[in-house]
């Protein structure tokens, strides 16, 4: 098997690999990714807070209805003509009045607690919106810087890709297909030379039978790093 053409292809592909790495490791792009994640998290959190606020407001509404009913019961008790009541009836009314007052006190405490909860949720919501807006503004700044870098690098990438397209036509389709599949899996370099009796990349030692097969077939996939070991 003649590996000269695929090795020439890989040599040019190394330029593309370096350019792609240059872009992927760009600090402005990394900042953008981080800020984008922050913005998404803030959006999710704000949605959760909105749901919590809605639930608390519904609870407050139901509680106010219950308080209105309880207050009316108290008003009815106050309006009773006590001189028409017997002692037992009066005691019963007084006990009921105490119960109503206790219920109102409990309801008022619950309402106060819910009001505190809604205020806390709104404060957290406002903080979350500030984080989102800040992330959005910073994202635009770092994105502009990355786009400037991309505009500088992209023509170089395009040139290398054109060169690779020409070289690809000179490579055996089978080996080219294998190469491209591994390249898509972020494996690079794809082909590495046998170094003594070890893989030229991961340094895994090959067995005697594997070395014999490699010398016969000229290529062999490394069981450890999955690169193609070649022998010339």
C-alpha atoms as a PDB file:
ATOM      1  CA  UNK A   1       0.000   0.000   0.000  1.00  0.00           C
ATOM      2  CA  UNK A   2       1.398   3.389  -1.031  1.00  0.00           C
ATOM      3  CA  UNK A   3       0.900   5.809   1.867  1.00  0.00           C
ATOM      4  CA  UNK A   4       2.736   8.749   0.292  1.00  0.00           C
ATOM      5  CA  UNK A   5      -0.451  10.561  -0.802  1.00  0.00           C
ATOM      6  CA  UNK A   6      -2.387  10.131   2.457  1.00  0.00           C
ATOM      7  CA  UNK A   7       0.659  11.280   4.422  1.00  0.00           C
ATOM      8  CA  UNK A   8       0.890  14.329   2.183  1.00  0.00           C
ATOM      9  CA  UNK A   9      -2.805  14.933   2.834  1.00  0.00           C
ATOM     10  CA  UNK A  10      -2.262  14.658   6.592  1.00  0.00           C
ATOM     11  CA  UNK A  11       0.654  17.085   6.409  1.00  0.00           C
ATOM     12  CA  UNK A  12      -1.630  19.747   4.914  1.00  0.00           C
ATOM     13  CA  UNK A  13      -4.459  18.734   7.214  1.00  0.00           C
ATOM     14  CA  UNK A  14      -2.162  19.554  10.142  1.00  0.00           C
ATOM     15  CA  UNK A  15      -2.417  23.204   9.096  1.00  0.00           C
ATOM     16  CA  UNK A  16      -6.210  22.981   9.231  1.00  0.00           C
ATOM     17  CA  UNK A  17      -6.028  21.253  12.603  1.00  0.00           C
ATOM     18  CA  UNK A  18      -3.850  24.054  13.994  1.00  0.00           C
ATOM     19  CA  UNK A  19      -6.149  26.761  12.629  1.00  0.00           C
ATOM     20  CA  UNK A  20      -9.238  25.049  14.045  1.00  0.00           C
ATOM     21  CA  UNK A  21      -7.523  24.750  17.417  1.00  0.00           C
ATOM     22  CA  UNK A  22      -6.560  28.397  17.261  1.00  0.00           C
ATOM     23  CA  UNK A  23     -10.230  29.310  16.926  1.00  0.00           C
ATOM     24  CA  UNK A  24     -11.529  26.813  19.466  1.00  0.00           C
ATOM     25  CA  UNK A  25      -9.004  28.018  22.056  1.00  0.00           C
ATOM     26  CA  UNK A  26      -9.692  31.681  21.381  1.00  0.00           C
ATOM     27  CA  UNK A  27     -10.290  33.289  24.799  1.00  0.00           C
ATOM     28  CA  UNK A  28     -13.051  35.500  23.405  1.00  0.00           C
ATOM     29  CA  UNK A  29     -14.901  32.430  22.106  1.00  0.00           C
ATOM     30  CA  UNK A  30     -14.484  30.668  25.432  1.00  0.00           C
ATOM     31  CA  UNK A  31     -15.840  33.773  27.169  1.00  0.00           C
ATOM     32  CA  UNK A  32     -18.786  33.760  24.773  1.00  0.00           C
ATOM     33  CA  UNK A  33     -19.528  30.112  25.546  1.00  0.00           C
ATOM     34  CA  UNK A  34     -19.375  30.803  29.279  1.00  0.00           C
ATOM     35  CA  UNK A  35     -21.568  33.908  29.031  1.00  0.00           C
ATOM     36  CA  UNK A  36     -24.032  32.093  26.784  1.00  0.00           C
ATOM     37  CA  UNK A  37     -24.359  29.380  29.414  1.00  0.00           C
ATOM     38  CA  UNK A  38     -24.797  32.036  32.112  1.00  0.00           C
ATOM     39  CA  UNK A  39     -27.555  33.692  30.086  1.00  0.00           C
ATOM     40  CA  UNK A  40     -29.329  30.355  29.538  1.00  0.00           C
ATOM     41  CA  UNK A  41     -29.092  29.509  33.244  1.00  0.00           C
ATOM     42  CA  UNK A  42     -30.450  32.949  34.137  1.00  0.00           C
ATOM     43  CA  UNK A  43     -33.372  32.491  31.756  1.00  0.00           C
ATOM     44  CA  UNK A  44     -34.195  29.123  33.270  1.00  0.00           C
ATOM     45  CA  UNK A  45     -33.926  30.522  36.784  1.00  0.00           C
ATOM     46  CA  UNK A  46     -36.122  33.522  35.962  1.00  0.00           C
ATOM     47  CA  UNK A  47     -38.780  31.175  34.548  1.00  0.00           C
ATOM     48  CA  UNK A  48     -38.654  29.089  37.728  1.00  0.00           C
ATOM     49  CA  UNK A  49     -38.956  32.231  39.858  1.00  0.00           C
ATOM     50  CA  UNK A  50     -41.937  33.393  37.809  1.00  0.00           C
ATOM     51  CA  UNK A  51     -43.637  30.053  38.444  1.00  0.00           C
ATOM     52  CA  UNK A  52     -42.855  30.298  42.174  1.00  0.00           C
ATOM     53  CA  UNK A  53     -44.199  33.858  42.299  1.00  0.00           C
ATOM     54  CA  UNK A  54     -47.373  32.776  40.521  1.00  0.00           C
ATOM     55  CA  UNK A  55     -47.880  29.951  43.010  1.00  0.00           C
ATOM     56  CA  UNK A  56     -47.371  32.263  45.992  1.00  0.00           C
ATOM     57  CA  UNK A  57     -49.761  34.843  44.543  1.00  0.00           C
ATOM     58  CA  UNK A  58     -52.400  32.163  44.071  1.00  0.00           C
ATOM     59  CA  UNK A  59     -51.922  31.051  47.672  1.00  0.00           C
ATOM     60  CA  UNK A  60     -52.242  34.667  48.824  1.00  0.00           C
ATOM     61  CA  UNK A  61     -55.442  35.083  46.824  1.00  0.00           C
ATOM     62  CA  UNK A  62     -56.980  31.947  48.369  1.00  0.00           C
ATOM     63  CA  UNK A  63     -55.854  33.061  51.814  1.00  0.00           C
ATOM     64  CA  UNK A  64     -57.458  36.476  51.390  1.00  0.00           C
ATOM     65  CA  UNK A  65     -60.729  34.806  50.407  1.00  0.00           C
ATOM     66  CA  UNK A  66     -60.562  32.689  53.543  1.00  0.00           C
ATOM     67  CA  UNK A  67     -59.841  35.801  55.628  1.00  0.00           C
ATOM     68  CA  UNK A  68     -62.824  37.611  54.104  1.00  0.00           C
ATOM     69  CA  UNK A  69     -65.109  34.724  55.048  1.00  0.00           C
ATOM     70  CA  UNK A  70     -63.660  34.603  58.568  1.00  0.00           C
ATOM     71  CA  UNK A  71     -64.024  38.363  59.026  1.00  0.00           C
ATOM     72  CA  UNK A  72     -67.686  38.175  58.001  1.00  0.00           C
ATOM     73  CA  UNK A  73     -68.248  35.475  60.605  1.00  0.00           C
ATOM     74  CA  UNK A  74     -66.669  37.763  63.193  1.00  0.00           C
ATOM     75  CA  UNK A  75     -68.862  40.667  62.100  1.00  0.00           C
ATOM     76  CA  UNK A  76     -71.936  38.485  62.419  1.00  0.00           C
ATOM     77  CA  UNK A  77     -70.944  37.533  65.964  1.00  0.00           C
ATOM     78  CA  UNK A  78     -70.375  41.169  66.924  1.00  0.00           C
ATOM     79  CA  UNK A  79     -73.767  42.160  65.540  1.00  0.00           C
ATOM     80  CA  UNK A  80     -75.602  39.573  67.666  1.00  0.00           C
ATOM     81  CA  UNK A  81     -77.932  41.011  70.278  1.00  0.00           C
ATOM     82  CA  UNK A  82     -76.420  39.436  73.376  1.00  0.00           C
ATOM     83  CA  UNK A  83     -79.327  40.454  75.627  1.00  0.00           C
ATOM     84  CA  UNK A  84     -81.509  37.951  73.777  1.00  0.00           C
ATOM     85  CA  UNK A  85     -79.094  35.082  74.426  1.00  0.00           C
ATOM     86  CA  UNK A  86     -79.083  32.623  77.254  1.00  0.00           C
ATOM     87  CA  UNK A  87     -75.929  32.128  79.291  1.00  0.00           C
ATOM     88  CA  UNK A  88     -75.080  28.957  77.407  1.00  0.00           C
ATOM     89  CA  UNK A  89     -75.693  30.656  74.080  1.00  0.00           C
ATOM     90  CA  UNK A  90     -73.572  33.601  75.130  1.00  0.00           C
ATOM     91  CA  UNK A  91     -70.718  31.335  76.213  1.00  0.00           C
ATOM     92  CA  UNK A  92     -70.983  29.522  72.900  1.00  0.00           C
ATOM     93  CA  UNK A  93     -70.818  32.813  70.983  1.00  0.00           C
ATOM     94  CA  UNK A  94     -67.830  33.993  73.006  1.00  0.00           C
ATOM     95  CA  UNK A  95     -65.992  30.739  72.388  1.00  0.00           C
ATOM     96  CA  UNK A  96     -66.745  31.020  68.686  1.00  0.00           C
ATOM     97  CA  UNK A  97     -65.563  34.640  68.723  1.00  0.00           C
ATOM     98  CA  UNK A  98     -62.250  33.546  70.298  1.00  0.00           C
ATOM     99  CA  UNK A  99     -61.901  30.838  67.658  1.00  0.00           C
ATOM    100  CA  UNK A 100     -62.514  33.371  64.879  1.00  0.00           C
ATOM    101  CA  UNK A 101     -59.906  35.700  66.356  1.00  0.00           C
ATOM    102  CA  UNK A 102     -57.387  32.851  66.582  1.00  0.00           C
ATOM    103  CA  UNK A 103     -58.068  31.931  62.964  1.00  0.00           C
ATOM    104  CA  UNK A 104     -57.626  35.534  61.870  1.00  0.00           C
ATOM    105  CA  UNK A 105     -54.327  35.742  63.745  1.00  0.00           C
ATOM    106  CA  UNK A 106     -53.076  32.558  62.064  1.00  0.00           C
ATOM    107  CA  UNK A 107     -54.274  33.715  58.667  1.00  0.00           C
ATOM    108  CA  UNK A 108     -52.583  37.074  59.135  1.00  0.00           C
ATOM    109  CA  UNK A 109     -49.284  35.368  60.010  1.00  0.00           C
ATOM    110  CA  UNK A 110     -49.534  33.120  56.963  1.00  0.00           C
ATOM    111  CA  UNK A 111     -50.342  36.114  54.758  1.00  0.00           C
ATOM    112  CA  UNK A 112     -47.352  38.018  56.161  1.00  0.00           C
ATOM    113  CA  UNK A 113     -45.112  35.014  55.498  1.00  0.00           C
ATOM    114  CA  UNK A 114     -46.358  34.729  51.922  1.00  0.00           C
ATOM    115  CA  UNK A 115     -45.752  38.456  51.424  1.00  0.00           C
ATOM    116  CA  UNK A 116     -42.172  37.975  52.632  1.00  0.00           C
ATOM    117  CA  UNK A 117     -41.794  35.054  50.243  1.00  0.00           C
ATOM    118  CA  UNK A 118     -43.032  37.033  47.264  1.00  0.00           C
ATOM    119  CA  UNK A 119     -40.691  39.906  48.119  1.00  0.00           C
ATOM    120  CA  UNK A 120     -37.750  37.499  48.357  1.00  0.00           C
ATOM    121  CA  UNK A 121     -38.699  35.919  45.015  1.00  0.00           C
ATOM    122  CA  UNK A 122     -38.991  39.328  43.347  1.00  0.00           C
ATOM    123  CA  UNK A 123     -35.606  40.388  44.731  1.00  0.00           C
ATOM    124  CA  UNK A 124     -34.013  37.186  43.435  1.00  0.00           C
ATOM    125  CA  UNK A 125     -35.774  37.673  40.099  1.00  0.00           C
ATOM    126  CA  UNK A 126     -34.352  41.191  39.785  1.00  0.00           C
ATOM    127  CA  UNK A 127     -30.852  39.919  40.578  1.00  0.00           C
ATOM    128  CA  UNK A 128     -31.242  37.180  37.970  1.00  0.00           C
ATOM    129  CA  UNK A 129     -32.360  39.666  35.321  1.00  0.00           C
ATOM    130  CA  UNK A 130     -29.320  41.831  36.096  1.00  0.00           C
ATOM    131  CA  UNK A 131     -27.045  38.812  35.658  1.00  0.00           C
ATOM    132  CA  UNK A 132     -28.762  37.993  32.360  1.00  0.00           C
ATOM    133  CA  UNK A 133     -28.489  41.550  31.028  1.00  0.00           C
ATOM    134  CA  UNK A 134     -24.843  41.795  32.078  1.00  0.00           C
ATOM    135  CA  UNK A 135     -24.021  38.455  30.419  1.00  0.00           C
ATOM    136  CA  UNK A 136     -25.825  39.541  27.267  1.00  0.00           C
ATOM    137  CA  UNK A 137     -23.893  42.807  27.061  1.00  0.00           C
ATOM    138  CA  UNK A 138     -20.527  41.144  27.734  1.00  0.00           C
ATOM    139  CA  UNK A 139     -21.367  38.440  25.180  1.00  0.00           C
ATOM    140  CA  UNK A 140     -21.794  41.044  22.451  1.00  0.00           C
ATOM    141  CA  UNK A 141     -18.399  42.559  23.291  1.00  0.00           C
ATOM    142  CA  UNK A 142     -16.500  39.248  23.289  1.00  0.00           C
ATOM    143  CA  UNK A 143     -18.435  38.000  20.256  1.00  0.00           C
ATOM    144  CA  UNK A 144     -17.301  41.040  18.266  1.00  0.00           C
ATOM    145  CA  UNK A 145     -13.679  40.353  19.219  1.00  0.00           C
ATOM    146  CA  UNK A 146     -14.006  36.665  18.250  1.00  0.00           C
ATOM    147  CA  UNK A 147     -15.687  37.521  14.940  1.00  0.00           C
ATOM    148  CA  UNK A 148     -12.746  39.795  14.135  1.00  0.00           C
ATOM    149  CA  UNK A 149     -10.337  36.920  14.815  1.00  0.00           C
ATOM    150  CA  UNK A 150     -12.510  34.535  12.799  1.00  0.00           C
ATOM    151  CA  UNK A 151     -12.487  36.941   9.852  1.00  0.00           C
ATOM    152  CA  UNK A 152      -8.689  36.849   9.921  1.00  0.00           C
ATOM    153  CA  UNK A 153      -8.389  33.062  10.186  1.00  0.00           C
ATOM    154  CA  UNK A 154     -11.254  31.926   7.951  1.00  0.00           C
ATOM    155  CA  UNK A 155      -9.548  32.774   4.628  1.00  0.00           C
ATOM    156  CA  UNK A 156      -6.574  30.646   5.690  1.00  0.00           C
ATOM    157  CA  UNK A 157      -8.934  27.780   6.553  1.00  0.00           C
ATOM    158  CA  UNK A 158     -10.658  28.108   3.173  1.00  0.00           C
ATOM    159  CA  UNK A 159      -7.327  27.975   1.363  1.00  0.00           C
ATOM    160  CA  UNK A 160      -6.232  24.858   3.237  1.00  0.00           C
ATOM    161  CA  UNK A 161      -9.571  23.152   2.561  1.00  0.00           C
ATOM    162  CA  UNK A 162      -9.217  23.840  -1.166  1.00  0.00           C
ATOM    163  CA  UNK A 163      -5.769  22.280  -1.093  1.00  0.00           C
ATOM    164  CA  UNK A 164      -7.128  19.265   0.785  1.00  0.00           C
ATOM    165  CA  UNK A 165      -9.891  18.811  -1.791  1.00  0.00           C
ATOM    166  CA  UNK A 166      -7.255  18.505  -4.504  1.00  0.00           C
ATOM    167  CA  UNK A 167      -5.112  16.098  -2.501  1.00  0.00           C
ATOM    168  CA  UNK A 168      -8.114  13.942  -1.570  1.00  0.00           C
ATOM    169  CA  UNK A 169      -8.501  12.935  -5.197  1.00  0.00           C
ATOM    170  CA  UNK A 170      -5.041  11.347  -5.115  1.00  0.00           C
ATOM    171  CA  UNK A 171      -5.744   9.117  -2.093  1.00  0.00           C
ATOM    172  CA  UNK A 172      -7.227   5.610  -2.213  1.00  0.00           C
ATOM    173  CA  UNK A 173     -10.950   5.969  -1.373  1.00  0.00           C
ATOM    174  CA  UNK A 174     -10.881   3.270   1.303  1.00  0.00           C
ATOM    175  CA  UNK A 175      -8.009   4.771   3.274  1.00  0.00           C
ATOM    176  CA  UNK A 176      -9.463   8.258   2.740  1.00  0.00           C
ATOM    177  CA  UNK A 177     -12.806   7.165   4.162  1.00  0.00           C
ATOM    178  CA  UNK A 178     -11.099   5.688   7.229  1.00  0.00           C
ATOM    179  CA  UNK A 179      -9.012   8.820   7.669  1.00  0.00           C
ATOM    180  CA  UNK A 180     -12.000  11.171   7.473  1.00  0.00           C
ATOM    181  CA  UNK A 181     -14.022   9.065   9.909  1.00  0.00           C
ATOM    182  CA  UNK A 182     -11.269   9.252  12.522  1.00  0.00           C
ATOM    183  CA  UNK A 183     -10.723  12.936  11.844  1.00  0.00           C
ATOM    184  CA  UNK A 184     -14.424  13.501  12.516  1.00  0.00           C
ATOM    185  CA  UNK A 185     -13.913  11.797  15.879  1.00  0.00           C
ATOM    186  CA  UNK A 186     -11.320  14.480  16.758  1.00  0.00           C
ATOM    187  CA  UNK A 187      -8.407  12.053  16.302  1.00  0.00           C
ATOM    188  CA  UNK A 188      -5.291  13.780  15.008  1.00  0.00           C
ATOM    189  CA  UNK A 189      -2.813  12.921  13.724  1.00  0.00           C
ATOM    190  CA  UNK A 190      -4.672  10.007  12.234  1.00  0.00           C
ATOM    191  CA  UNK A 191      -1.587   8.211  10.932  1.00  0.00           C
ATOM    192  CA  UNK A 192       1.452   7.698  13.156  1.00  0.00           C
ATOM    193  CA  UNK A 193       4.656   5.856  12.370  1.00  0.00           C
ATOM    194  CA  UNK A 194       5.693   2.700  14.176  1.00  0.00           C
ATOM    195  CA  UNK A 195       8.387   3.640  16.695  1.00  0.00           C
ATOM    196  CA  UNK A 196      10.432   0.557  17.472  1.00  0.00           C
ATOM    197  CA  UNK A 197       7.690  -1.798  18.618  1.00  0.00           C
ATOM    198  CA  UNK A 198       5.317   0.867  19.966  1.00  0.00           C
ATOM    199  CA  UNK A 199       2.618   3.172  18.652  1.00  0.00           C
ATOM    200  CA  UNK A 200       4.217   6.431  17.614  1.00  0.00           C
ATOM    201  CA  UNK A 201       1.546   8.410  19.497  1.00  0.00           C
ATOM    202  CA  UNK A 202       0.336   6.688  22.652  1.00  0.00           C
ATOM    203  CA  UNK A 203       3.463   4.508  23.070  1.00  0.00           C
ATOM    204  CA  UNK A 204       1.468   1.309  23.500  1.00  0.00           C
ATOM    205  CA  UNK A 205       3.691  -1.696  22.857  1.00  0.00           C
ATOM    206  CA  UNK A 206       2.586  -3.956  20.029  1.00  0.00           C
ATOM    207  CA  UNK A 207       2.782  -7.712  20.180  1.00  0.00           C
ATOM    208  CA  UNK A 208       5.108  -9.594  17.873  1.00  0.00           C
ATOM    209  CA  UNK A 209       2.154 -10.885  15.851  1.00  0.00           C
ATOM    210  CA  UNK A 210       0.750  -7.340  15.521  1.00  0.00           C
ATOM    211  CA  UNK A 211       4.095  -6.045  14.307  1.00  0.00           C
ATOM    212  CA  UNK A 212       4.331  -8.843  11.745  1.00  0.00           C
ATOM    213  CA  UNK A 213       0.841  -8.022  10.500  1.00  0.00           C
ATOM    214  CA  UNK A 214       1.738  -4.329  10.362  1.00  0.00           C
ATOM    215  CA  UNK A 215       4.864  -5.032   8.308  1.00  0.00           C
ATOM    216  CA  UNK A 216       2.808  -7.161   5.963  1.00  0.00           C
ATOM    217  CA  UNK A 217      -0.197  -4.821   5.560  1.00  0.00           C
ATOM    218  CA  UNK A 218       1.725  -1.554   6.087  1.00  0.00           C
ATOM    219  CA  UNK A 219      -1.035  -0.202   8.397  1.00  0.00           C
ATOM    220  CA  UNK A 220      -2.660  -1.319  11.643  1.00  0.00           C
ATOM    221  CA  UNK A 221      -5.136   0.353  13.981  1.00  0.00           C
ATOM    222  CA  UNK A 222      -3.804   0.994  17.481  1.00  0.00           C
ATOM    223  CA  UNK A 223      -5.986  -0.772  20.036  1.00  0.00           C
ATOM    224  CA  UNK A 224      -5.369   1.993  22.571  1.00  0.00           C
ATOM    225  CA  UNK A 225      -5.592   5.374  20.801  1.00  0.00           C
ATOM    226  CA  UNK A 226      -7.344   4.074  17.643  1.00  0.00           C
ATOM    227  CA  UNK A 227      -4.920   5.839  15.330  1.00  0.00           C
ATOM    228  CA  UNK A 228      -3.548   4.160  12.228  1.00  0.00           C
ATOM    229  CA  UNK A 229       0.004   2.973  12.755  1.00  0.00           C
ATOM    230  CA  UNK A 230       1.992   2.716   9.554  1.00  0.00           C
ATOM    231  CA  UNK A 231       5.258   1.052   8.688  1.00  0.00           C
ATOM    232  CA  UNK A 232       7.578   2.058   5.874  1.00  0.00           C
END
